[in-house]
Amino acid sequence: MEYSAGFTKEKWSENDIAIVIELLQKDKNKNQILEEIIESNLFQLRSPVSIKNRFNMVYNRATALNNEMQKHFLQAIDYDRKALTLYSFLQAYRIPLEFYLEIIVYKYEQQEPLYRNDFHYFFEGKANISDKVSHWRPETIKRLISTLMLFYRESKMIEKIDQTKYQVNPIHISQTLKTYAERNIPLLYSFTVLEKVNEG
């Protein structure tokens, strides 16, 4: 997976993901789903162009969940949906996944708070090893940091302590999803313990 700044426009989109999954579960293909969303304005956006842009992002994240996870998403309690929404984001983009594995998990292991500066240090580190990241503008990085914060806060993985720091917490999920994840989806399971996972 390449480094991409494409997630600056990502929204939490939990409800939109549910809409797409419902249509996927009816065996509709990508074009049919888009048509239905535009016709019925299911995303409640003003223009077909903005619907298409949102749809591509949401569709990629909805299809990052396998069939079992999609079914669970539709009937899930609130915190399971939040965990699956975060998982879909980490599966779609390399930067959020690496931030989780390299920073969030590490901070929890060390029992340290997450500082606002940690986001900047993370991007500085990536710029040192990636030509692509080194060419991203400061405004782009600022927007990427805002999106990362949105996802980790919305999922309750980080909670604000004060203006400069956050507490890092494992995510609570139902026993059913936890058991399934432990056997089949190591990354999702790791949200509940904040330990590094072996995806192999």
N, C-alpha and C. Protein backbone atom coordinates (compact mmCIF):
# COMPACT_ATOMS: atom_id res chain seq x y z
N MET A 1 0.84 -1.19 0.00
CA MET A 1 0.00 0.00 0.00
C MET A 1 0.89 1.26 0.00
N GLU A 2 0.66 2.15 -0.95
CA GLU A 2 1.42 3.40 -1.07
C GLU A 2 1.00 4.38 0.02
N TYR A 3 1.92 5.31 0.35
CA TYR A 3 1.52 6.44 1.19
C TYR A 3 0.60 7.33 0.37
N SER A 4 -0.51 7.77 0.97
CA SER A 4 -1.46 8.61 0.25
C SER A 4 -2.00 9.68 1.19
N ALA A 5 -2.13 10.90 0.66
CA ALA A 5 -2.73 11.99 1.44
C ALA A 5 -4.23 12.08 1.15
N GLY A 6 -4.76 11.07 0.47
CA GLY A 6 -6.16 11.08 0.02
C GLY A 6 -7.17 11.11 1.13
N PHE A 7 -6.74 10.82 2.37
CA PHE A 7 -7.75 10.74 3.44
C PHE A 7 -8.04 12.10 4.10
N THR A 8 -7.48 13.19 3.51
CA THR A 8 -7.81 14.51 4.08
C THR A 8 -9.31 14.77 3.99
N LYS A 9 -9.98 14.19 2.99
CA LYS A 9 -11.41 14.44 2.80
C LYS A 9 -12.29 13.37 3.46
N GLU A 10 -11.67 12.40 4.12
CA GLU A 10 -12.45 11.34 4.77
C GLU A 10 -13.26 11.90 5.94
N LYS A 11 -14.48 11.41 6.04
CA LYS A 11 -15.33 11.70 7.19
C LYS A 11 -15.50 10.38 7.96
N TRP A 12 -16.03 10.47 9.17
CA TRP A 12 -16.25 9.26 9.96
C TRP A 12 -17.17 8.30 9.18
N SER A 13 -18.28 8.82 8.63
CA SER A 13 -19.13 8.10 7.65
C SER A 13 -19.74 6.78 8.12
N GLU A 14 -19.92 6.61 9.40
CA GLU A 14 -20.48 5.35 9.92
C GLU A 14 -21.84 5.02 9.30
N ASN A 15 -22.72 6.02 9.21
CA ASN A 15 -24.06 5.78 8.64
C ASN A 15 -24.00 5.51 7.14
N ASP A 16 -23.11 6.21 6.45
CA ASP A 16 -22.96 5.99 5.00
C ASP A 16 -22.42 4.59 4.71
N ILE A 17 -21.51 4.13 5.56
CA ILE A 17 -20.98 2.76 5.41
C ILE A 17 -22.12 1.75 5.57
N ALA A 18 -22.98 2.00 6.55
CA ALA A 18 -24.13 1.09 6.78
C ALA A 18 -25.03 1.05 5.54
N ILE A 19 -25.25 2.20 4.91
CA ILE A 19 -26.09 2.26 3.70
C ILE A 19 -25.49 1.42 2.59
N VAL A 20 -24.18 1.59 2.37
CA VAL A 20 -23.49 0.84 1.30
C VAL A 20 -23.50 -0.66 1.61
N ILE A 21 -23.24 -1.02 2.87
CA ILE A 21 -23.21 -2.44 3.25
C ILE A 21 -24.59 -3.08 3.02
N GLU A 22 -25.64 -2.36 3.39
CA GLU A 22 -27.00 -2.89 3.18
C GLU A 22 -27.22 -3.25 1.71
N LEU A 23 -26.77 -2.38 0.82
CA LEU A 23 -26.94 -2.61 -0.62
C LEU A 23 -25.99 -3.70 -1.12
N LEU A 24 -24.80 -3.78 -0.55
CA LEU A 24 -23.86 -4.87 -0.90
C LEU A 24 -24.46 -6.22 -0.51
N GLN A 25 -25.11 -6.24 0.64
CA GLN A 25 -25.70 -7.49 1.13
C GLN A 25 -26.89 -7.93 0.27
N LYS A 26 -27.42 -7.01 -0.55
CA LYS A 26 -28.48 -7.37 -1.50
C LYS A 26 -27.90 -7.76 -2.85
N ASP A 27 -26.56 -8.00 -2.85
CA ASP A 27 -25.85 -8.44 -4.06
C ASP A 27 -25.87 -7.43 -5.19
N LYS A 28 -25.94 -6.16 -4.85
CA LYS A 28 -25.87 -5.12 -5.88
C LYS A 28 -24.39 -4.82 -6.17
N ASN A 29 -24.10 -4.48 -7.45
CA ASN A 29 -22.72 -4.14 -7.78
C ASN A 29 -22.47 -2.65 -7.52
N LYS A 30 -21.22 -2.25 -7.71
CA LYS A 30 -20.81 -0.88 -7.36
C LYS A 30 -21.66 0.17 -8.08
N ASN A 31 -21.88 0.00 -9.39
CA ASN A 31 -22.65 0.99 -10.16
C ASN A 31 -24.11 1.05 -9.72
N GLN A 32 -24.69 -0.12 -9.44
CA GLN A 32 -26.08 -0.15 -8.98
C GLN A 32 -26.23 0.56 -7.63
N ILE A 33 -25.25 0.34 -6.77
CA ILE A 33 -25.29 0.97 -5.44
C ILE A 33 -25.21 2.49 -5.59
N LEU A 34 -24.27 2.94 -6.42
CA LEU A 34 -24.12 4.39 -6.63
C LEU A 34 -25.41 4.99 -7.20
N GLU A 35 -26.00 4.32 -8.19
CA GLU A 35 -27.25 4.80 -8.80
C GLU A 35 -28.34 4.98 -7.75
N GLU A 36 -28.49 3.95 -6.91
CA GLU A 36 -29.55 4.01 -5.89
C GLU A 36 -29.30 5.14 -4.88
N ILE A 37 -28.02 5.32 -4.52
CA ILE A 37 -27.67 6.37 -3.55
C ILE A 37 -27.97 7.75 -4.15
N ILE A 38 -27.63 7.93 -5.43
CA ILE A 38 -27.89 9.22 -6.09
C ILE A 38 -29.41 9.44 -6.24
N GLU A 39 -30.10 8.43 -6.75
CA GLU A 39 -31.55 8.56 -7.00
C GLU A 39 -32.33 8.91 -5.72
N SER A 40 -32.01 8.22 -4.65
CA SER A 40 -32.77 8.43 -3.40
C SER A 40 -32.06 9.41 -2.46
N ASN A 41 -30.96 9.97 -2.92
CA ASN A 41 -30.12 10.88 -2.11
C ASN A 41 -29.89 10.33 -0.69
N LEU A 42 -29.45 9.08 -0.64
CA LEU A 42 -29.29 8.39 0.65
C LEU A 42 -28.18 9.00 1.52
N PHE A 43 -27.19 9.66 0.88
CA PHE A 43 -26.13 10.31 1.66
C PHE A 43 -26.53 11.72 2.10
N GLN A 44 -27.68 12.19 1.60
CA GLN A 44 -28.19 13.53 1.93
C GLN A 44 -27.17 14.63 1.64
N LEU A 45 -26.60 14.55 0.43
CA LEU A 45 -25.69 15.59 -0.04
C LEU A 45 -26.35 16.31 -1.21
N ARG A 46 -25.89 17.52 -1.50
CA ARG A 46 -26.60 18.36 -2.47
C ARG A 46 -26.38 17.98 -3.93
N SER A 47 -25.12 17.68 -4.28
CA SER A 47 -24.86 17.48 -5.72
C SER A 47 -24.39 16.06 -6.02
N PRO A 48 -24.72 15.55 -7.20
CA PRO A 48 -24.25 14.22 -7.61
C PRO A 48 -22.73 14.09 -7.56
N VAL A 49 -22.01 15.20 -7.83
CA VAL A 49 -20.53 15.16 -7.80
C VAL A 49 -20.05 14.88 -6.37
N SER A 50 -20.62 15.59 -5.39
CA SER A 50 -20.18 15.35 -4.00
C SER A 50 -20.60 13.96 -3.53
N ILE A 51 -21.75 13.47 -4.03
CA ILE A 51 -22.17 12.10 -3.68
C ILE A 51 -21.16 11.10 -4.23
N LYS A 52 -20.74 11.28 -5.49
CA LYS A 52 -19.77 10.36 -6.12
C LYS A 52 -18.45 10.35 -5.37
N ASN A 53 -17.97 11.55 -5.00
CA ASN A 53 -16.70 11.63 -4.26
C ASN A 53 -16.79 10.90 -2.93
N ARG A 54 -17.88 11.16 -2.20
CA ARG A 54 -18.07 10.49 -0.91
C ARG A 54 -18.23 8.99 -1.12
N PHE A 55 -18.99 8.62 -2.14
CA PHE A 55 -19.28 7.21 -2.40
C PHE A 55 -18.00 6.40 -2.60
N ASN A 56 -17.07 6.92 -3.40
CA ASN A 56 -15.84 6.16 -3.67
C ASN A 56 -15.08 5.85 -2.39
N MET A 57 -15.02 6.83 -1.50
CA MET A 57 -14.32 6.62 -0.22
C MET A 57 -15.07 5.61 0.65
N VAL A 58 -16.39 5.82 0.74
CA VAL A 58 -17.21 4.96 1.60
C VAL A 58 -17.23 3.53 1.06
N TYR A 59 -17.34 3.38 -0.24
CA TYR A 59 -17.38 2.04 -0.86
C TYR A 59 -16.08 1.28 -0.57
N ASN A 60 -14.94 1.96 -0.71
CA ASN A 60 -13.65 1.31 -0.42
C ASN A 60 -13.57 0.84 1.02
N ARG A 61 -14.12 1.64 1.92
CA ARG A 61 -14.06 1.26 3.33
C ARG A 61 -15.07 0.16 3.66
N ALA A 62 -16.26 0.23 3.05
CA ALA A 62 -17.27 -0.82 3.29
C ALA A 62 -16.76 -2.17 2.80
N THR A 63 -16.07 -2.18 1.65
CA THR A 63 -15.58 -3.44 1.09
C THR A 63 -14.28 -3.91 1.75
N ALA A 64 -13.72 -3.08 2.64
CA ALA A 64 -12.57 -3.53 3.44
C ALA A 64 -13.04 -4.50 4.53
N LEU A 65 -14.35 -4.53 4.77
CA LEU A 65 -14.93 -5.46 5.75
C LEU A 65 -15.38 -6.71 5.00
N ASN A 66 -15.02 -7.87 5.51
CA ASN A 66 -15.46 -9.10 4.85
C ASN A 66 -16.96 -9.33 5.11
N ASN A 67 -17.50 -10.35 4.52
CA ASN A 67 -18.95 -10.59 4.58
C ASN A 67 -19.46 -10.72 6.02
N GLU A 68 -18.73 -11.47 6.84
CA GLU A 68 -19.12 -11.64 8.25
C GLU A 68 -19.16 -10.29 8.98
N MET A 69 -18.11 -9.50 8.75
CA MET A 69 -18.01 -8.20 9.42
C MET A 69 -19.10 -7.24 8.93
N GLN A 70 -19.41 -7.32 7.64
CA GLN A 70 -20.48 -6.48 7.09
C GLN A 70 -21.82 -6.81 7.76
N LYS A 71 -22.10 -8.12 7.86
CA LYS A 71 -23.36 -8.53 8.50
C LYS A 71 -23.41 -8.05 9.95
N HIS A 72 -22.28 -8.21 10.64
CA HIS A 72 -22.23 -7.79 12.04
C HIS A 72 -22.43 -6.28 12.15
N PHE A 73 -21.84 -5.54 11.23
CA PHE A 73 -21.95 -4.07 11.24
C PHE A 73 -23.41 -3.63 11.25
N LEU A 74 -24.23 -4.29 10.44
CA LEU A 74 -25.64 -3.89 10.30
C LEU A 74 -26.46 -4.11 11.56
N GLN A 75 -26.07 -5.12 12.35
CA GLN A 75 -26.86 -5.39 13.56
C GLN A 75 -26.09 -5.04 14.84
N ALA A 76 -24.93 -4.41 14.66
CA ALA A 76 -24.02 -4.22 15.80
C ALA A 76 -24.48 -3.13 16.75
N ILE A 77 -24.03 -3.31 18.01
CA ILE A 77 -24.21 -2.24 19.00
C ILE A 77 -23.20 -1.13 18.69
N ASP A 78 -23.43 0.02 19.29
CA ASP A 78 -22.70 1.23 18.96
C ASP A 78 -21.18 1.06 18.95
N TYR A 79 -20.61 0.47 20.01
CA TYR A 79 -19.14 0.44 20.06
C TYR A 79 -18.54 -0.57 19.09
N ASP A 80 -19.27 -1.61 18.71
CA ASP A 80 -18.78 -2.51 17.66
C ASP A 80 -18.73 -1.79 16.32
N ARG A 81 -19.76 -0.99 16.05
CA ARG A 81 -19.78 -0.23 14.80
C ARG A 81 -18.63 0.76 14.75
N LYS A 82 -18.34 1.38 15.89
CA LYS A 82 -17.22 2.32 15.95
C LYS A 82 -15.89 1.60 15.67
N ALA A 83 -15.71 0.44 16.27
CA ALA A 83 -14.48 -0.33 16.05
C ALA A 83 -14.34 -0.74 14.58
N LEU A 84 -15.44 -1.17 13.98
CA LEU A 84 -15.41 -1.60 12.57
C LEU A 84 -15.21 -0.41 11.64
N THR A 85 -15.75 0.75 12.01
CA THR A 85 -15.56 1.96 11.21
C THR A 85 -14.08 2.36 11.24
N LEU A 86 -13.48 2.31 12.42
CA LEU A 86 -12.04 2.61 12.52
C LEU A 86 -11.23 1.59 11.72
N TYR A 87 -11.57 0.32 11.86
CA TYR A 87 -10.87 -0.74 11.13
C TYR A 87 -10.91 -0.49 9.62
N SER A 88 -12.08 -0.09 9.11
CA SER A 88 -12.22 0.15 7.67
C SER A 88 -11.29 1.28 7.20
N PHE A 89 -11.10 2.26 8.06
CA PHE A 89 -10.22 3.40 7.75
C PHE A 89 -8.76 2.94 7.71
N LEU A 90 -8.37 2.13 8.69
CA LEU A 90 -6.98 1.65 8.75
C LEU A 90 -6.66 0.68 7.61
N GLN A 91 -7.68 -0.02 7.13
CA GLN A 91 -7.47 -0.93 6.00
C GLN A 91 -7.35 -0.18 4.68
N ALA A 92 -7.92 1.03 4.62
CA ALA A 92 -7.95 1.78 3.36
C ALA A 92 -6.70 2.64 3.16
N TYR A 93 -6.02 3.00 4.25
CA TYR A 93 -4.89 3.95 4.13
C TYR A 93 -3.71 3.50 4.98
N ARG A 94 -2.52 3.65 4.40
CA ARG A 94 -1.31 3.18 5.07
C ARG A 94 -0.91 4.07 6.26
N ILE A 95 -1.03 5.40 6.09
CA ILE A 95 -0.59 6.33 7.15
C ILE A 95 -1.35 6.08 8.47
N PRO A 96 -2.69 6.03 8.45
CA PRO A 96 -3.40 5.77 9.72
C PRO A 96 -3.04 4.42 10.34
N LEU A 97 -2.82 3.41 9.49
CA LEU A 97 -2.45 2.09 10.00
C LEU A 97 -1.09 2.14 10.69
N GLU A 98 -0.12 2.79 10.03
CA GLU A 98 1.22 2.88 10.63
C GLU A 98 1.21 3.75 11.88
N PHE A 99 0.39 4.80 11.89
CA PHE A 99 0.29 5.63 13.10
C PHE A 99 -0.23 4.80 14.26
N TYR A 100 -1.22 3.97 13.97
CA TYR A 100 -1.76 3.09 15.01
C TYR A 100 -0.69 2.14 15.53
N LEU A 101 -0.01 1.43 14.62
CA LEU A 101 0.95 0.41 15.03
C LEU A 101 2.20 1.00 15.68
N GLU A 102 2.65 2.14 15.15
CA GLU A 102 3.93 2.70 15.62
C GLU A 102 3.79 3.67 16.78
N ILE A 103 2.67 4.38 16.85
CA ILE A 103 2.53 5.42 17.88
C ILE A 103 1.51 5.04 18.95
N ILE A 104 0.27 4.73 18.54
CA ILE A 104 -0.79 4.45 19.52
C ILE A 104 -0.43 3.24 20.38
N VAL A 105 -0.08 2.14 19.72
CA VAL A 105 0.25 0.91 20.46
C VAL A 105 1.47 1.15 21.37
N TYR A 106 2.48 1.82 20.84
CA TYR A 106 3.70 2.11 21.62
C TYR A 106 3.37 2.95 22.86
N LYS A 107 2.56 3.99 22.67
CA LYS A 107 2.22 4.88 23.80
C LYS A 107 1.48 4.10 24.89
N TYR A 108 0.60 3.21 24.47
CA TYR A 108 -0.15 2.42 25.45
C TYR A 108 0.79 1.46 26.19
N GLU A 109 1.67 0.82 25.44
CA GLU A 109 2.65 -0.10 26.07
C GLU A 109 3.51 0.63 27.10
N GLN A 110 3.89 1.86 26.77
CA GLN A 110 4.75 2.65 27.68
C GLN A 110 3.94 3.36 28.77
N GLN A 111 2.60 3.23 28.67
CA GLN A 111 1.70 3.94 29.61
C GLN A 111 1.96 5.44 29.59
N GLU A 112 2.18 5.96 28.39
CA GLU A 112 2.42 7.40 28.21
C GLU A 112 1.22 8.04 27.54
N PRO A 113 0.98 9.33 27.80
CA PRO A 113 -0.07 10.01 27.03
C PRO A 113 0.40 10.24 25.59
N LEU A 114 -0.54 10.49 24.72
CA LEU A 114 -0.25 10.87 23.34
C LEU A 114 -0.27 12.40 23.29
N TYR A 115 0.84 12.99 22.85
CA TYR A 115 0.92 14.45 22.76
C TYR A 115 0.59 14.91 21.35
N ARG A 116 0.08 16.13 21.24
CA ARG A 116 -0.19 16.69 19.91
C ARG A 116 1.06 16.67 19.04
N ASN A 117 2.20 16.92 19.66
CA ASN A 117 3.47 16.93 18.91
C ASN A 117 3.82 15.56 18.33
N ASP A 118 3.32 14.49 18.95
CA ASP A 118 3.62 13.14 18.44
C ASP A 118 3.15 12.99 16.99
N PHE A 119 2.06 13.65 16.64
CA PHE A 119 1.56 13.58 15.26
C PHE A 119 2.59 14.20 14.30
N HIS A 120 3.13 15.35 14.71
CA HIS A 120 4.11 16.04 13.86
C HIS A 120 5.40 15.23 13.75
N TYR A 121 5.86 14.66 14.89
CA TYR A 121 7.09 13.84 14.85
C TYR A 121 6.90 12.63 13.94
N PHE A 122 5.70 12.06 13.96
CA PHE A 122 5.40 10.91 13.12
C PHE A 122 5.56 11.27 11.64
N PHE A 123 4.99 12.40 11.24
CA PHE A 123 5.08 12.81 9.83
C PHE A 123 6.51 13.20 9.46
N GLU A 124 7.25 13.78 10.39
CA GLU A 124 8.66 14.09 10.13
C GLU A 124 9.44 12.80 9.85
N GLY A 125 9.15 11.79 10.66
CA GLY A 125 9.82 10.48 10.47
C GLY A 125 9.49 9.89 9.11
N LYS A 126 8.23 9.99 8.70
CA LYS A 126 7.82 9.44 7.39
C LYS A 126 8.46 10.22 6.24
N ALA A 127 8.59 11.55 6.43
CA ALA A 127 9.20 12.39 5.38
C ALA A 127 10.67 12.00 5.19
N ASN A 128 11.32 11.52 6.26
CA ASN A 128 12.72 11.11 6.16
C ASN A 128 12.90 9.83 5.35
N ILE A 129 11.86 9.00 5.32
CA ILE A 129 12.01 7.72 4.60
C ILE A 129 11.21 7.66 3.30
N SER A 130 10.34 8.66 3.10
CA SER A 130 9.51 8.64 1.89
C SER A 130 9.60 9.97 1.15
N ASP A 131 10.05 9.88 -0.09
CA ASP A 131 10.15 11.06 -0.93
C ASP A 131 8.77 11.69 -1.11
N LYS A 132 7.77 10.83 -1.25
CA LYS A 132 6.39 11.31 -1.46
C LYS A 132 5.93 12.16 -0.28
N VAL A 133 6.10 11.64 0.94
CA VAL A 133 5.65 12.36 2.13
C VAL A 133 6.45 13.66 2.31
N SER A 134 7.73 13.62 1.96
CA SER A 134 8.57 14.82 2.14
C SER A 134 8.10 15.99 1.28
N HIS A 135 7.31 15.69 0.22
CA HIS A 135 6.80 16.76 -0.64
C HIS A 135 5.40 17.25 -0.26
N TRP A 136 4.82 16.66 0.78
CA TRP A 136 3.51 17.13 1.21
C TRP A 136 3.65 18.49 1.88
N ARG A 137 2.71 19.39 1.59
CA ARG A 137 2.77 20.74 2.15
C ARG A 137 2.32 20.74 3.61
N PRO A 138 2.79 21.73 4.38
CA PRO A 138 2.39 21.80 5.80
C PRO A 138 0.87 21.81 5.99
N GLU A 139 0.14 22.50 5.07
CA GLU A 139 -1.34 22.54 5.21
C GLU A 139 -1.93 21.14 5.03
N THR A 140 -1.33 20.36 4.11
CA THR A 140 -1.81 18.99 3.89
C THR A 140 -1.61 18.16 5.16
N ILE A 141 -0.43 18.27 5.73
CA ILE A 141 -0.12 17.49 6.94
C ILE A 141 -1.04 17.92 8.09
N LYS A 142 -1.32 19.20 8.16
CA LYS A 142 -2.24 19.69 9.20
C LYS A 142 -3.62 19.05 9.04
N ARG A 143 -4.09 18.95 7.80
CA ARG A 143 -5.41 18.35 7.55
C ARG A 143 -5.38 16.84 7.83
N LEU A 144 -4.27 16.20 7.49
CA LEU A 144 -4.14 14.76 7.77
C LEU A 144 -4.18 14.50 9.28
N ILE A 145 -3.50 15.36 10.03
CA ILE A 145 -3.49 15.21 11.50
C ILE A 145 -4.90 15.39 12.05
N SER A 146 -5.64 16.38 11.53
CA SER A 146 -7.03 16.59 11.97
C SER A 146 -7.88 15.34 11.73
N THR A 147 -7.69 14.72 10.54
CA THR A 147 -8.48 13.52 10.22
C THR A 147 -8.08 12.36 11.13
N LEU A 148 -6.78 12.18 11.36
CA LEU A 148 -6.33 11.12 12.28
C LEU A 148 -6.96 11.33 13.66
N MET A 149 -6.90 12.55 14.15
CA MET A 149 -7.48 12.84 15.47
C MET A 149 -8.97 12.53 15.50
N LEU A 150 -9.67 12.94 14.44
CA LEU A 150 -11.11 12.68 14.37
C LEU A 150 -11.40 11.19 14.54
N PHE A 151 -10.69 10.34 13.80
CA PHE A 151 -10.96 8.90 13.83
C PHE A 151 -10.61 8.27 15.17
N TYR A 152 -9.47 8.64 15.72
CA TYR A 152 -9.09 8.02 16.99
C TYR A 152 -9.95 8.53 18.15
N ARG A 153 -10.39 9.79 18.06
CA ARG A 153 -11.28 10.32 19.12
C ARG A 153 -12.69 9.74 18.99
N GLU A 154 -13.19 9.68 17.77
CA GLU A 154 -14.55 9.18 17.53
C GLU A 154 -14.68 7.72 17.97
N SER A 155 -13.62 6.95 17.78
CA SER A 155 -13.65 5.53 18.16
C SER A 155 -13.37 5.34 19.65
N LYS A 156 -13.07 6.44 20.34
CA LYS A 156 -12.76 6.43 21.79
C LYS A 156 -11.41 5.78 22.11
N MET A 157 -10.55 5.69 21.11
CA MET A 157 -9.21 5.15 21.36
C MET A 157 -8.32 6.18 22.03
N ILE A 158 -8.59 7.47 21.74
CA ILE A 158 -7.89 8.53 22.47
C ILE A 158 -8.92 9.47 23.08
N GLU A 159 -8.62 9.95 24.29
CA GLU A 159 -9.50 10.90 24.97
C GLU A 159 -8.68 12.08 25.44
N LYS A 160 -9.23 13.25 25.20
CA LYS A 160 -8.50 14.49 25.51
C LYS A 160 -8.31 14.65 27.01
N ILE A 161 -7.08 14.92 27.42
CA ILE A 161 -6.79 15.22 28.83
C ILE A 161 -6.76 16.74 28.99
N ASP A 162 -5.98 17.41 28.12
CA ASP A 162 -5.96 18.87 28.09
C ASP A 162 -5.58 19.32 26.68
N GLN A 163 -5.17 20.58 26.52
CA GLN A 163 -4.92 21.12 25.17
C GLN A 163 -3.78 20.41 24.44
N THR A 164 -2.88 19.79 25.18
CA THR A 164 -1.69 19.22 24.51
C THR A 164 -1.64 17.70 24.50
N LYS A 165 -2.47 17.05 25.32
CA LYS A 165 -2.30 15.59 25.38
C LYS A 165 -3.61 14.80 25.50
N TYR A 166 -3.49 13.52 25.13
CA TYR A 166 -4.61 12.58 25.10
C TYR A 166 -4.23 11.31 25.83
N GLN A 167 -5.23 10.70 26.44
CA GLN A 167 -5.02 9.38 27.03
C GLN A 167 -5.37 8.33 25.97
N VAL A 168 -4.55 7.26 25.91
CA VAL A 168 -4.78 6.18 24.94
C VAL A 168 -5.47 5.02 25.65
N ASN A 169 -6.58 4.53 25.04
CA ASN A 169 -7.35 3.44 25.64
C ASN A 169 -7.65 2.34 24.63
N PRO A 170 -7.64 1.08 25.08
CA PRO A 170 -8.17 0.02 24.20
C PRO A 170 -9.66 0.27 23.96
N ILE A 171 -10.18 -0.26 22.87
CA ILE A 171 -11.59 -0.10 22.54
C ILE A 171 -12.37 -1.30 23.08
N HIS A 172 -13.51 -1.02 23.66
CA HIS A 172 -14.38 -2.09 24.15
C HIS A 172 -15.25 -2.59 23.00
N ILE A 173 -15.25 -3.91 22.74
CA ILE A 173 -16.17 -4.48 21.75
C ILE A 173 -16.89 -5.68 22.35
N SER A 174 -17.99 -6.09 21.73
CA SER A 174 -18.78 -7.20 22.27
C SER A 174 -17.97 -8.50 22.23
N GLN A 175 -18.34 -9.42 23.10
CA GLN A 175 -17.63 -10.70 23.18
C GLN A 175 -17.71 -11.46 21.86
N THR A 176 -18.86 -11.39 21.18
CA THR A 176 -19.04 -12.09 19.90
C THR A 176 -18.02 -11.61 18.88
N LEU A 177 -17.92 -10.28 18.73
CA LEU A 177 -16.99 -9.71 17.74
C LEU A 177 -15.55 -9.96 18.17
N LYS A 178 -15.30 -9.87 19.47
CA LYS A 178 -13.94 -10.06 19.99
C LYS A 178 -13.45 -11.48 19.70
N THR A 179 -14.31 -12.46 19.93
CA THR A 179 -13.95 -13.86 19.68
C THR A 179 -13.69 -14.08 18.19
N TYR A 180 -14.56 -13.54 17.36
CA TYR A 180 -14.39 -13.67 15.90
C TYR A 180 -13.08 -13.00 15.46
N ALA A 181 -12.83 -11.79 15.97
CA ALA A 181 -11.63 -11.05 15.58
C ALA A 181 -10.36 -11.77 16.04
N GLU A 182 -10.40 -12.32 17.24
CA GLU A 182 -9.21 -13.01 17.78
C GLU A 182 -8.82 -14.17 16.86
N ARG A 183 -9.81 -14.86 16.31
CA ARG A 183 -9.53 -16.01 15.43
C ARG A 183 -9.20 -15.61 14.00
N ASN A 184 -9.82 -14.52 13.54
CA ASN A 184 -9.78 -14.22 12.10
C ASN A 184 -9.19 -12.87 11.69
N ILE A 185 -9.30 -11.86 12.56
CA ILE A 185 -8.89 -10.49 12.16
C ILE A 185 -7.97 -9.91 13.24
N PRO A 186 -6.68 -10.27 13.22
CA PRO A 186 -5.77 -9.84 14.30
C PRO A 186 -5.75 -8.33 14.54
N LEU A 187 -5.82 -7.55 13.46
CA LEU A 187 -5.76 -6.09 13.64
C LEU A 187 -6.96 -5.59 14.45
N LEU A 188 -8.15 -6.07 14.11
CA LEU A 188 -9.35 -5.66 14.84
C LEU A 188 -9.26 -6.11 16.30
N TYR A 189 -8.82 -7.33 16.52
CA TYR A 189 -8.66 -7.83 17.90
C TYR A 189 -7.69 -6.94 18.68
N SER A 190 -6.63 -6.50 18.01
CA SER A 190 -5.60 -5.70 18.71
C SER A 190 -6.16 -4.39 19.27
N PHE A 191 -7.27 -3.89 18.70
CA PHE A 191 -7.88 -2.66 19.24
C PHE A 191 -8.29 -2.85 20.70
N THR A 192 -8.58 -4.10 21.09
CA THR A 192 -9.10 -4.36 22.43
C THR A 192 -7.98 -4.54 23.46
N VAL A 193 -6.76 -4.72 22.97
CA VAL A 193 -5.63 -4.94 23.88
C VAL A 193 -4.48 -3.97 23.63
N LEU A 194 -4.52 -3.31 22.46
CA LEU A 194 -3.46 -2.40 22.03
C LEU A 194 -2.08 -3.04 22.11
N GLU A 195 -1.99 -4.20 21.47
CA GLU A 195 -0.70 -4.88 21.31
C GLU A 195 -0.43 -5.03 19.83
N LYS A 196 0.87 -5.10 19.49
CA LYS A 196 1.25 -5.27 18.09
C LYS A 196 0.70 -6.61 17.61
N VAL A 197 0.33 -6.64 16.33
CA VAL A 197 -0.25 -7.86 15.79
C VAL A 197 0.62 -8.43 14.67
N ASN A 198 0.52 -9.73 14.54
CA ASN A 198 1.19 -10.39 13.41
C ASN A 198 0.10 -10.69 12.39
N GLU A 199 0.11 -9.93 11.31
CA GLU A 199 -0.94 -10.10 10.29
C GLU A 199 -0.67 -11.32 9.41
N GLY A 200 0.57 -11.87 9.52
CA GLY A 200 0.90 -13.01 8.66
C GLY A 200 0.13 -14.23 9.11
